Every structure is written in structure tokens, then in C-alpha cells.
Amino acid sequence: MTTPLTVDADPTSFLFEPTTTALLVIDMQRDFVEPGGFGETLGNDVSQLRGVIAPLQRTLAATRAAGIAVIHTREGHLPDLSDCPPAKLRRGRPSMRIGDPGPGGRILIRGEHGHGIIDELAPLDGELVIDKPGKGAFYRTELGTALSAAGITSLVVTGVTTEVCVHTTVREANDRGYECLVLSDCVGSYFPEFQDAGLAMISAQGGIFGWVAPSSAYIAAISVLATPAR
């Protein structure tokens, strides 16, 4: 056991044990944050999510230097769409639907270019990548089993979008007993008002779903763990 660390967060300080903590990077995929992907087919301005990339790069680098586990997720489906329910496939009025050909290959299909994580945040060898068919990272995935096997009890949550996959995952994690810290500048939404409301909901009522803090506060807390450069 290492000494617990403290992050200045809302609504109270967030205490965590580094060896039982993982950074969760949710769905930073080309289909969501680059032109021509699923996010844009739904009528969204994908540039709204680009601001997450730089602070998340810094957060990833600091987390890796501190020796804290990193887990990535990717939302997507099997090529035959057998794991994509009709309620999801037919949702809304996009210009293209899941499985249709797009600039990055078939939209939100596993193995296609658009399904991959953006180059700026590419996973390193040995970092766990969870493929999920739904919005929550625990639904029909091995995430819960992997966290239990590694003794993880706290999650530092980042990624997109704040009100959909991030919120769903945090709520799932909360019901399973995990303590979640959401980094406010490392999660993003296509809608500024959803970003603000989504973060407020997490920390409301004494932290009903978790804690919220800027990445700078988290990085400052874990800087004591960084391996000195040689």
C-alpha cells in the first residue's frame, strides 16, 4: 500500500490509493471526434470535443509516469450488427446510420478506422482496451471482471460525451461501489449546456455519483509519484 493521495475536488476532497486506482478514457474515437464519423452524422459539431484532447494528453502522460493503470474504451459493434439493438440503430434522423460506409469505414463497426482511438491518445502496449456495445462501459463487457482482478476501487474518469457514455459509466460504477473522480476539462459534450449540467449532477447532493475536479488538481496530486527522468 502506498500513501493515499488527495485531490482538491467538488464537493469535497477526493482521497485515493494509487495502486487501487485506474484512469478510464472513454470513447476517444475518430467516429466521435473527427469529421465524417457517427457524431457528425447526428448533426453535431465535432469541434466541440477537440478541446478535451490537449488536457487529456497531459493527464495520460502524468498518469503513466506515476505508474497508475490506464484503461481505454471503444463503443462499437460487430460487423453483422447482432449486438446493436434496433432501438439504437434507428435512433434519430442521422444522415448515415451505424454500419453505413463513412470516411473511416463502416460507422461504429469494430476494426474499422473510424472505430479506433485517435492518434493523439493512442493506447500503449499493455493498456487494457474495452470494446463495448452500449453507452456504459460495464454493460456486456469484461470491465468489471478486469477491475476486480486488479483490485481497482477508484476510477478517474475522462472521455466523451459527458452526458452520455461518461455519465452512464459513472452511474454504473457508482452502483457497483467504485469511487469516481471526473476530470472536468477531460470530458466533453457537443452541447455546452449539457457539459455544465452533467458535471453538476455528478457532484450534487454531497457527491451522489462522484467527485469533479480539473485535471490540473489531479496531476498535482500524482506528481509525487512520477519517476525522475534520467
C-alpha atoms as a PDB file:
ATOM      1  CA  MET A   1       0.000   0.000   0.000  1.00  0.00           C
ATOM      2  CA  THR A   2       1.164   3.496  -0.837  1.00  0.00           C
ATOM      3  CA  THR A   3       0.120   6.654   0.959  1.00  0.00           C
ATOM      4  CA  PRO A   4      -3.353   7.863  -0.107  1.00  0.00           C
ATOM      5  CA  LEU A   5      -3.346  10.993  -2.232  1.00  0.00           C
ATOM      6  CA  THR A   6      -5.763  13.899  -2.086  1.00  0.00           C
ATOM      7  CA  VAL A   7      -7.288  15.901  -4.939  1.00  0.00           C
ATOM      8  CA  ASP A   8      -8.991  19.232  -4.292  1.00  0.00           C
ATOM      9  CA  ALA A   9     -12.405  18.447  -5.781  1.00  0.00           C
ATOM     10  CA  ASP A  10     -16.107  19.243  -5.660  1.00  0.00           C
ATOM     11  CA  PRO A  11     -17.953  18.689  -3.347  1.00  0.00           C
ATOM     12  CA  THR A  12     -15.127  17.547  -1.031  1.00  0.00           C
ATOM     13  CA  SER A  13     -11.543  16.384  -1.320  1.00  0.00           C
ATOM     14  CA  PHE A  14     -11.137  13.124  -3.238  1.00  0.00           C
ATOM     15  CA  LEU A  15      -8.876  10.602  -1.496  1.00  0.00           C
ATOM     16  CA  PHE A  16      -7.497   7.662  -3.440  1.00  0.00           C
ATOM     17  CA  GLU A  17      -4.912   4.930  -3.226  1.00  0.00           C
ATOM     18  CA  PRO A  18      -2.805   4.975  -6.438  1.00  0.00           C
ATOM     19  CA  THR A  19      -2.327   1.214  -6.557  1.00  0.00           C
ATOM     20  CA  THR A  20      -6.087   0.642  -6.499  1.00  0.00           C
ATOM     21  CA  THR A  21      -6.937   3.403  -8.983  1.00  0.00           C
ATOM     22  CA  ALA A  22      -7.282   3.410 -12.764  1.00  0.00           C
ATOM     23  CA  LEU A  23      -7.635   6.215 -15.286  1.00  0.00           C
ATOM     24  CA  LEU A  24     -10.586   5.435 -17.557  1.00  0.00           C
ATOM     25  CA  VAL A  25     -10.503   7.050 -21.022  1.00  0.00           C
ATOM     26  CA  ILE A  26     -13.952   6.703 -22.573  1.00  0.00           C
ATOM     27  CA  ASP A  27     -14.544   6.508 -26.330  1.00  0.00           C
ATOM     28  CA  MET A  28     -11.969   8.966 -27.666  1.00  0.00           C
ATOM     29  CA  GLN A  29     -12.620   7.545 -31.125  1.00  0.00           C
ATOM     30  CA  ARG A  30     -12.409   9.012 -34.598  1.00  0.00           C
ATOM     31  CA  ASP A  31     -16.107   8.318 -35.163  1.00  0.00           C
ATOM     32  CA  PHE A  32     -16.951  10.719 -32.339  1.00  0.00           C
ATOM     33  CA  VAL A  33     -14.313  13.453 -32.535  1.00  0.00           C
ATOM     34  CA  GLU A  34     -13.366  13.662 -36.219  1.00  0.00           C
ATOM     35  CA  PRO A  35     -15.370  14.850 -39.243  1.00  0.00           C
ATOM     36  CA  GLY A  36     -17.454  12.258 -41.074  1.00  0.00           C
ATOM     37  CA  GLY A  37     -17.982   9.984 -38.100  1.00  0.00           C
ATOM     38  CA  PHE A  38     -21.074   8.993 -36.192  1.00  0.00           C
ATOM     39  CA  GLY A  39     -21.071  12.156 -34.092  1.00  0.00           C
ATOM     40  CA  GLU A  40     -21.248  14.363 -37.144  1.00  0.00           C
ATOM     41  CA  THR A  41     -23.935  12.242 -38.841  1.00  0.00           C
ATOM     42  CA  LEU A  42     -26.158  13.056 -35.861  1.00  0.00           C
ATOM     43  CA  GLY A  43     -25.792  16.748 -36.697  1.00  0.00           C
ATOM     44  CA  ASN A  44     -23.189  17.562 -34.056  1.00  0.00           C
ATOM     45  CA  ASP A  45     -20.271  19.968 -34.300  1.00  0.00           C
ATOM     46  CA  VAL A  46     -17.352  17.636 -33.596  1.00  0.00           C
ATOM     47  CA  SER A  47     -15.034  20.578 -32.958  1.00  0.00           C
ATOM     48  CA  GLN A  48     -16.799  20.938 -29.589  1.00  0.00           C
ATOM     49  CA  LEU A  49     -14.943  17.837 -28.414  1.00  0.00           C
ATOM     50  CA  ARG A  50     -11.497  18.821 -29.632  1.00  0.00           C
ATOM     51  CA  GLY A  51     -10.752  20.852 -26.508  1.00  0.00           C
ATOM     52  CA  VAL A  52     -10.593  17.664 -24.466  1.00  0.00           C
ATOM     53  CA  ILE A  53      -7.589  16.318 -26.355  1.00  0.00           C
ATOM     54  CA  ALA A  54      -4.769  18.529 -25.020  1.00  0.00           C
ATOM     55  CA  PRO A  55      -5.630  18.257 -21.290  1.00  0.00           C
ATOM     56  CA  LEU A  56      -6.225  14.544 -21.716  1.00  0.00           C
ATOM     57  CA  GLN A  57      -2.805  14.135 -23.338  1.00  0.00           C
ATOM     58  CA  ARG A  58      -1.225  15.801 -20.296  1.00  0.00           C
ATOM     59  CA  THR A  59      -3.313  13.676 -17.946  1.00  0.00           C
ATOM     60  CA  LEU A  60      -2.365  10.465 -19.732  1.00  0.00           C
ATOM     61  CA  ALA A  61       1.323  11.353 -19.640  1.00  0.00           C
ATOM     62  CA  ALA A  62       1.216  12.169 -15.925  1.00  0.00           C
ATOM     63  CA  THR A  63      -0.772   9.034 -15.105  1.00  0.00           C
ATOM     64  CA  ARG A  64       1.641   6.809 -16.994  1.00  0.00           C
ATOM     65  CA  ALA A  65       4.622   8.491 -15.339  1.00  0.00           C
ATOM     66  CA  ALA A  66       3.016   7.862 -11.939  1.00  0.00           C
ATOM     67  CA  GLY A  67       2.548   4.169 -12.695  1.00  0.00           C
ATOM     68  CA  ILE A  68      -1.253   4.321 -12.378  1.00  0.00           C
ATOM     69  CA  ALA A  69      -3.257   1.916 -14.529  1.00  0.00           C
ATOM     70  CA  VAL A  70      -4.863   3.215 -17.740  1.00  0.00           C
ATOM     71  CA  ILE A  71      -7.951   1.697 -19.373  1.00  0.00           C
ATOM     72  CA  HIS A  72      -9.484   2.780 -22.682  1.00  0.00           C
ATOM     73  CA  THR A  73     -12.960   2.063 -24.031  1.00  0.00           C
ATOM     74  CA  ARG A  74     -14.326   1.996 -27.586  1.00  0.00           C
ATOM     75  CA  GLU A  75     -18.007   1.956 -28.443  1.00  0.00           C
ATOM     76  CA  GLY A  76     -18.831  -0.131 -31.487  1.00  0.00           C
ATOM     77  CA  HIS A  77     -20.479  -3.189 -32.908  1.00  0.00           C
ATOM     78  CA  LEU A  78     -19.848  -6.492 -34.604  1.00  0.00           C
ATOM     79  CA  PRO A  79     -19.858  -6.337 -38.420  1.00  0.00           C
ATOM     80  CA  ASP A  80     -23.217  -8.145 -38.608  1.00  0.00           C
ATOM     81  CA  LEU A  81     -24.735  -5.687 -36.077  1.00  0.00           C
ATOM     82  CA  SER A  82     -26.019  -8.588 -33.993  1.00  0.00           C
ATOM     83  CA  ASP A  83     -25.085  -6.695 -30.818  1.00  0.00           C
ATOM     84  CA  CYS A  84     -26.786  -3.443 -31.895  1.00  0.00           C
ATOM     85  CA  PRO A  85     -30.432  -3.320 -30.781  1.00  0.00           C
ATOM     86  CA  PRO A  86     -32.996  -1.771 -33.159  1.00  0.00           C
ATOM     87  CA  ALA A  87     -33.703   0.982 -30.635  1.00  0.00           C
ATOM     88  CA  LYS A  88     -30.114   2.167 -31.035  1.00  0.00           C
ATOM     89  CA  LEU A  89     -29.753   1.507 -34.743  1.00  0.00           C
ATOM     90  CA  ARG A  90     -32.866   3.515 -35.669  1.00  0.00           C
ATOM     91  CA  ARG A  91     -32.445   6.340 -33.168  1.00  0.00           C
ATOM     92  CA  GLY A  92     -32.896   9.864 -34.522  1.00  0.00           C
ATOM     93  CA  ARG A  93     -32.528  11.026 -38.103  1.00  0.00           C
ATOM     94  CA  PRO A  94     -28.814  10.855 -38.881  1.00  0.00           C
ATOM     95  CA  SER A  95     -27.531  11.323 -42.416  1.00  0.00           C
ATOM     96  CA  MET A  96     -25.958   7.871 -42.012  1.00  0.00           C
ATOM     97  CA  ARG A  97     -26.584   5.088 -39.528  1.00  0.00           C
ATOM     98  CA  ILE A  98     -24.397   2.670 -37.609  1.00  0.00           C
ATOM     99  CA  GLY A  99     -22.868   0.242 -40.071  1.00  0.00           C
ATOM    100  CA  ASP A 100     -23.139   2.563 -43.084  1.00  0.00           C
ATOM    101  CA  PRO A 101     -19.958   3.354 -45.056  1.00  0.00           C
ATOM    102  CA  GLY A 102     -18.258   6.553 -43.941  1.00  0.00           C
ATOM    103  CA  PRO A 103     -14.890   8.289 -44.421  1.00  0.00           C
ATOM    104  CA  GLY A 104     -13.359   5.995 -41.774  1.00  0.00           C
ATOM    105  CA  GLY A 105     -15.033   2.806 -42.938  1.00  0.00           C
ATOM    106  CA  ARG A 106     -18.344   1.461 -41.664  1.00  0.00           C
ATOM    107  CA  ILE A 107     -19.558   3.721 -38.875  1.00  0.00           C
ATOM    108  CA  LEU A 108     -19.036   2.385 -35.331  1.00  0.00           C
ATOM    109  CA  ILE A 109     -18.021  -1.058 -36.536  1.00  0.00           C
ATOM    110  CA  ARG A 110     -15.207  -2.784 -34.680  1.00  0.00           C
ATOM    111  CA  GLY A 111     -11.971  -2.935 -36.618  1.00  0.00           C
ATOM    112  CA  GLU A 112     -12.792  -0.023 -38.919  1.00  0.00           C
ATOM    113  CA  HIS A 113     -10.524   3.037 -38.955  1.00  0.00           C
ATOM    114  CA  GLY A 114     -13.212   5.304 -37.532  1.00  0.00           C
ATOM    115  CA  HIS A 115     -13.791   2.947 -34.628  1.00  0.00           C
ATOM    116  CA  GLY A 116     -10.200   3.391 -33.482  1.00  0.00           C
ATOM    117  CA  ILE A 117      -8.941   5.749 -30.803  1.00  0.00           C
ATOM    118  CA  ILE A 118      -7.462   8.985 -32.140  1.00  0.00           C
ATOM    119  CA  ASP A 119      -3.708   9.015 -32.674  1.00  0.00           C
ATOM    120  CA  GLU A 120      -3.130  11.725 -30.063  1.00  0.00           C
ATOM    121  CA  LEU A 121      -4.453   9.429 -27.312  1.00  0.00           C
ATOM    122  CA  ALA A 122      -3.441   6.035 -28.647  1.00  0.00           C
ATOM    123  CA  PRO A 123      -3.191   3.254 -26.044  1.00  0.00           C
ATOM    124  CA  LEU A 124       0.257   1.979 -25.168  1.00  0.00           C
ATOM    125  CA  ASP A 125       1.147  -1.693 -25.288  1.00  0.00           C
ATOM    126  CA  GLY A 126      -0.199  -3.360 -22.179  1.00  0.00           C
ATOM    127  CA  GLU A 127      -3.007  -0.859 -21.551  1.00  0.00           C
ATOM    128  CA  LEU A 128      -6.406  -2.513 -21.455  1.00  0.00           C
ATOM    129  CA  VAL A 129      -8.846  -1.608 -24.247  1.00  0.00           C
ATOM    130  CA  ILE A 130     -12.501  -2.469 -23.612  1.00  0.00           C
ATOM    131  CA  ASP A 131     -14.869  -2.806 -26.570  1.00  0.00           C
ATOM    132  CA  LYS A 132     -18.420  -2.013 -25.545  1.00  0.00           C
ATOM    133  CA  PRO A 133     -21.698  -2.232 -27.478  1.00  0.00           C
ATOM    134  CA  GLY A 134     -23.573   0.221 -25.270  1.00  0.00           C
ATOM    135  CA  LYS A 135     -23.146   3.570 -23.624  1.00  0.00           C
ATOM    136  CA  GLY A 136     -21.959   2.247 -20.265  1.00  0.00           C
ATOM    137  CA  ALA A 137     -18.530   0.645 -20.014  1.00  0.00           C
ATOM    138  CA  PHE A 138     -19.792  -2.167 -17.757  1.00  0.00           C
ATOM    139  CA  TYR A 139     -22.636  -3.358 -19.992  1.00  0.00           C
ATOM    140  CA  ARG A 140     -21.764  -6.610 -21.780  1.00  0.00           C
ATOM    141  CA  THR A 141     -18.017  -6.098 -21.277  1.00  0.00           C
ATOM    142  CA  GLU A 142     -15.206  -7.578 -19.196  1.00  0.00           C
ATOM    143  CA  LEU A 143     -14.512  -4.284 -17.394  1.00  0.00           C
ATOM    144  CA  GLY A 144     -15.947  -5.319 -14.042  1.00  0.00           C
ATOM    145  CA  THR A 145     -14.020  -8.570 -14.035  1.00  0.00           C
ATOM    146  CA  ALA A 146     -10.786  -6.807 -15.008  1.00  0.00           C
ATOM    147  CA  LEU A 147     -11.162  -4.179 -12.282  1.00  0.00           C
ATOM    148  CA  SER A 148     -11.861  -6.810  -9.650  1.00  0.00           C
ATOM    149  CA  ALA A 149      -8.867  -8.880 -10.720  1.00  0.00           C
ATOM    150  CA  ALA A 150      -6.595  -5.832 -10.467  1.00  0.00           C
ATOM    151  CA  GLY A 151      -8.003  -4.735  -7.102  1.00  0.00           C
ATOM    152  CA  ILE A 152      -9.212  -1.398  -8.513  1.00  0.00           C
ATOM    153  CA  THR A 153     -11.649   0.501  -6.300  1.00  0.00           C
ATOM    154  CA  SER A 154     -11.331   4.076  -7.637  1.00  0.00           C
ATOM    155  CA  LEU A 155     -11.744   5.417 -11.169  1.00  0.00           C
ATOM    156  CA  VAL A 156     -10.535   8.710 -12.609  1.00  0.00           C
ATOM    157  CA  VAL A 157     -12.950   9.228 -15.492  1.00  0.00           C
ATOM    158  CA  THR A 158     -12.317  11.065 -18.753  1.00  0.00           C
ATOM    159  CA  GLY A 159     -13.604  10.990 -22.329  1.00  0.00           C
ATOM    160  CA  VAL A 160     -16.766  11.674 -24.304  1.00  0.00           C
ATOM    161  CA  THR A 161     -19.508  12.502 -24.178  1.00  0.00           C
ATOM    162  CA  THR A 162     -20.129  13.894 -20.720  1.00  0.00           C
ATOM    163  CA  GLU A 163     -23.882  13.385 -20.600  1.00  0.00           C
ATOM    164  CA  VAL A 164     -23.995  10.042 -22.425  1.00  0.00           C
ATOM    165  CA  CYS A 165     -21.173   7.486 -22.151  1.00  0.00           C
ATOM    166  CA  VAL A 166     -19.309   9.235 -19.326  1.00  0.00           C
ATOM    167  CA  HIS A 167     -22.438   9.718 -17.224  1.00  0.00           C
ATOM    168  CA  THR A 168     -23.734   6.215 -17.879  1.00  0.00           C
ATOM    169  CA  THR A 169     -20.398   4.685 -16.913  1.00  0.00           C
ATOM    170  CA  VAL A 170     -20.070   6.771 -13.745  1.00  0.00           C
ATOM    171  CA  ARG A 171     -23.579   5.787 -12.682  1.00  0.00           C
ATOM    172  CA  GLU A 172     -22.838   2.119 -13.377  1.00  0.00           C
ATOM    173  CA  ALA A 173     -19.596   2.370 -11.429  1.00  0.00           C
ATOM    174  CA  ASN A 174     -21.300   4.097  -8.511  1.00  0.00           C
ATOM    175  CA  ASP A 175     -23.887   1.328  -8.237  1.00  0.00           C
ATOM    176  CA  ARG A 176     -21.027  -1.188  -8.147  1.00  0.00           C
ATOM    177  CA  GLY A 177     -19.250   0.604  -5.305  1.00  0.00           C
ATOM    178  CA  TYR A 178     -16.469   2.382  -7.203  1.00  0.00           C
ATOM    179  CA  GLU A 179     -15.362   5.866  -6.173  1.00  0.00           C
ATOM    180  CA  CYS A 180     -15.256   8.087  -9.269  1.00  0.00           C
ATOM    181  CA  LEU A 181     -13.409  11.326  -9.901  1.00  0.00           C
ATOM    182  CA  VAL A 182     -14.450  13.032 -13.150  1.00  0.00           C
ATOM    183  CA  LEU A 183     -11.904  15.448 -14.638  1.00  0.00           C
ATOM    184  CA  SER A 184     -13.936  18.420 -15.832  1.00  0.00           C
ATOM    185  CA  ASP A 185     -11.643  19.533 -18.663  1.00  0.00           C
ATOM    186  CA  CYS A 186     -11.020  15.959 -19.856  1.00  0.00           C
ATOM    187  CA  VAL A 187     -14.662  15.185 -20.571  1.00  0.00           C
ATOM    188  CA  GLY A 188     -16.597  16.872 -23.349  1.00  0.00           C
ATOM    189  CA  SER A 189     -20.030  17.308 -24.859  1.00  0.00           C
ATOM    190  CA  TYR A 190     -21.345  18.545 -28.192  1.00  0.00           C
ATOM    191  CA  PHE A 191     -23.616  20.808 -26.117  1.00  0.00           C
ATOM    192  CA  PRO A 192     -22.106  23.299 -23.616  1.00  0.00           C
ATOM    193  CA  GLU A 193     -25.260  23.324 -21.509  1.00  0.00           C
ATOM    194  CA  PHE A 194     -25.138  19.523 -21.205  1.00  0.00           C
ATOM    195  CA  GLN A 195     -21.498  19.719 -20.147  1.00  0.00           C
ATOM    196  CA  ASP A 196     -22.279  22.071 -17.286  1.00  0.00           C
ATOM    197  CA  ALA A 197     -25.385  20.202 -16.160  1.00  0.00           C
ATOM    198  CA  GLY A 198     -23.719  16.796 -16.466  1.00  0.00           C
ATOM    199  CA  LEU A 199     -20.835  17.775 -14.222  1.00  0.00           C
ATOM    200  CA  ALA A 200     -23.153  19.429 -11.708  1.00  0.00           C
ATOM    201  CA  MET A 201     -25.267  16.269 -11.464  1.00  0.00           C
ATOM    202  CA  ILE A 202     -22.259  14.124 -10.586  1.00  0.00           C
ATOM    203  CA  SER A 203     -21.156  16.181  -7.584  1.00  0.00           C
ATOM    204  CA  ALA A 204     -24.608  17.293  -6.406  1.00  0.00           C
ATOM    205  CA  GLN A 205     -26.119  16.196  -3.099  1.00  0.00           C
ATOM    206  CA  GLY A 206     -22.741  15.626  -1.481  1.00  0.00           C
ATOM    207  CA  GLY A 207     -21.300  13.751  -4.444  1.00  0.00           C
ATOM    208  CA  ILE A 208     -24.218  11.486  -5.285  1.00  0.00           C
ATOM    209  CA  PHE A 209     -22.325   9.914  -8.195  1.00  0.00           C
ATOM    210  CA  GLY A 210     -18.776  11.074  -7.503  1.00  0.00           C
ATOM    211  CA  TRP A 211     -16.376  13.991  -7.447  1.00  0.00           C
ATOM    212  CA  VAL A 212     -15.414  16.585 -10.057  1.00  0.00           C
ATOM    213  CA  ALA A 213     -12.059  18.360 -10.394  1.00  0.00           C
ATOM    214  CA  PRO A 214      -9.899  19.923 -13.115  1.00  0.00           C
ATOM    215  CA  SER A 215      -7.107  17.774 -14.448  1.00  0.00           C
ATOM    216  CA  SER A 216      -4.533  20.179 -13.014  1.00  0.00           C
ATOM    217  CA  ALA A 217      -5.597  19.224  -9.476  1.00  0.00           C
ATOM    218  CA  TYR A 218      -5.301  15.515 -10.240  1.00  0.00           C
ATOM    219  CA  ILE A 219      -1.924  15.942 -11.952  1.00  0.00           C
ATOM    220  CA  ALA A 220      -0.622  17.942  -8.996  1.00  0.00           C
ATOM    221  CA  ALA A 221      -1.678  15.154  -6.621  1.00  0.00           C
ATOM    222  CA  ILE A 222       0.035  12.370  -8.552  1.00  0.00           C
ATOM    223  CA  SER A 223       3.199  14.338  -9.399  1.00  0.00           C
ATOM    224  CA  VAL A 224       4.831  12.956  -6.263  1.00  0.00           C
ATOM    225  CA  LEU A 225       4.735   9.510  -7.871  1.00  0.00           C
ATOM    226  CA  ALA A 226       6.439  10.418 -11.118  1.00  0.00           C
ATOM    227  CA  THR A 227       9.664   8.568 -11.884  1.00  0.00           C
ATOM    228  CA  PRO A 228      12.524  11.083 -12.165  1.00  0.00           C
ATOM    229  CA  ALA A 229      13.935  11.436 -15.673  1.00  0.00           C
ATOM    230  CA  ARG A 230      17.412  10.005 -16.172  1.00  0.00           C
END
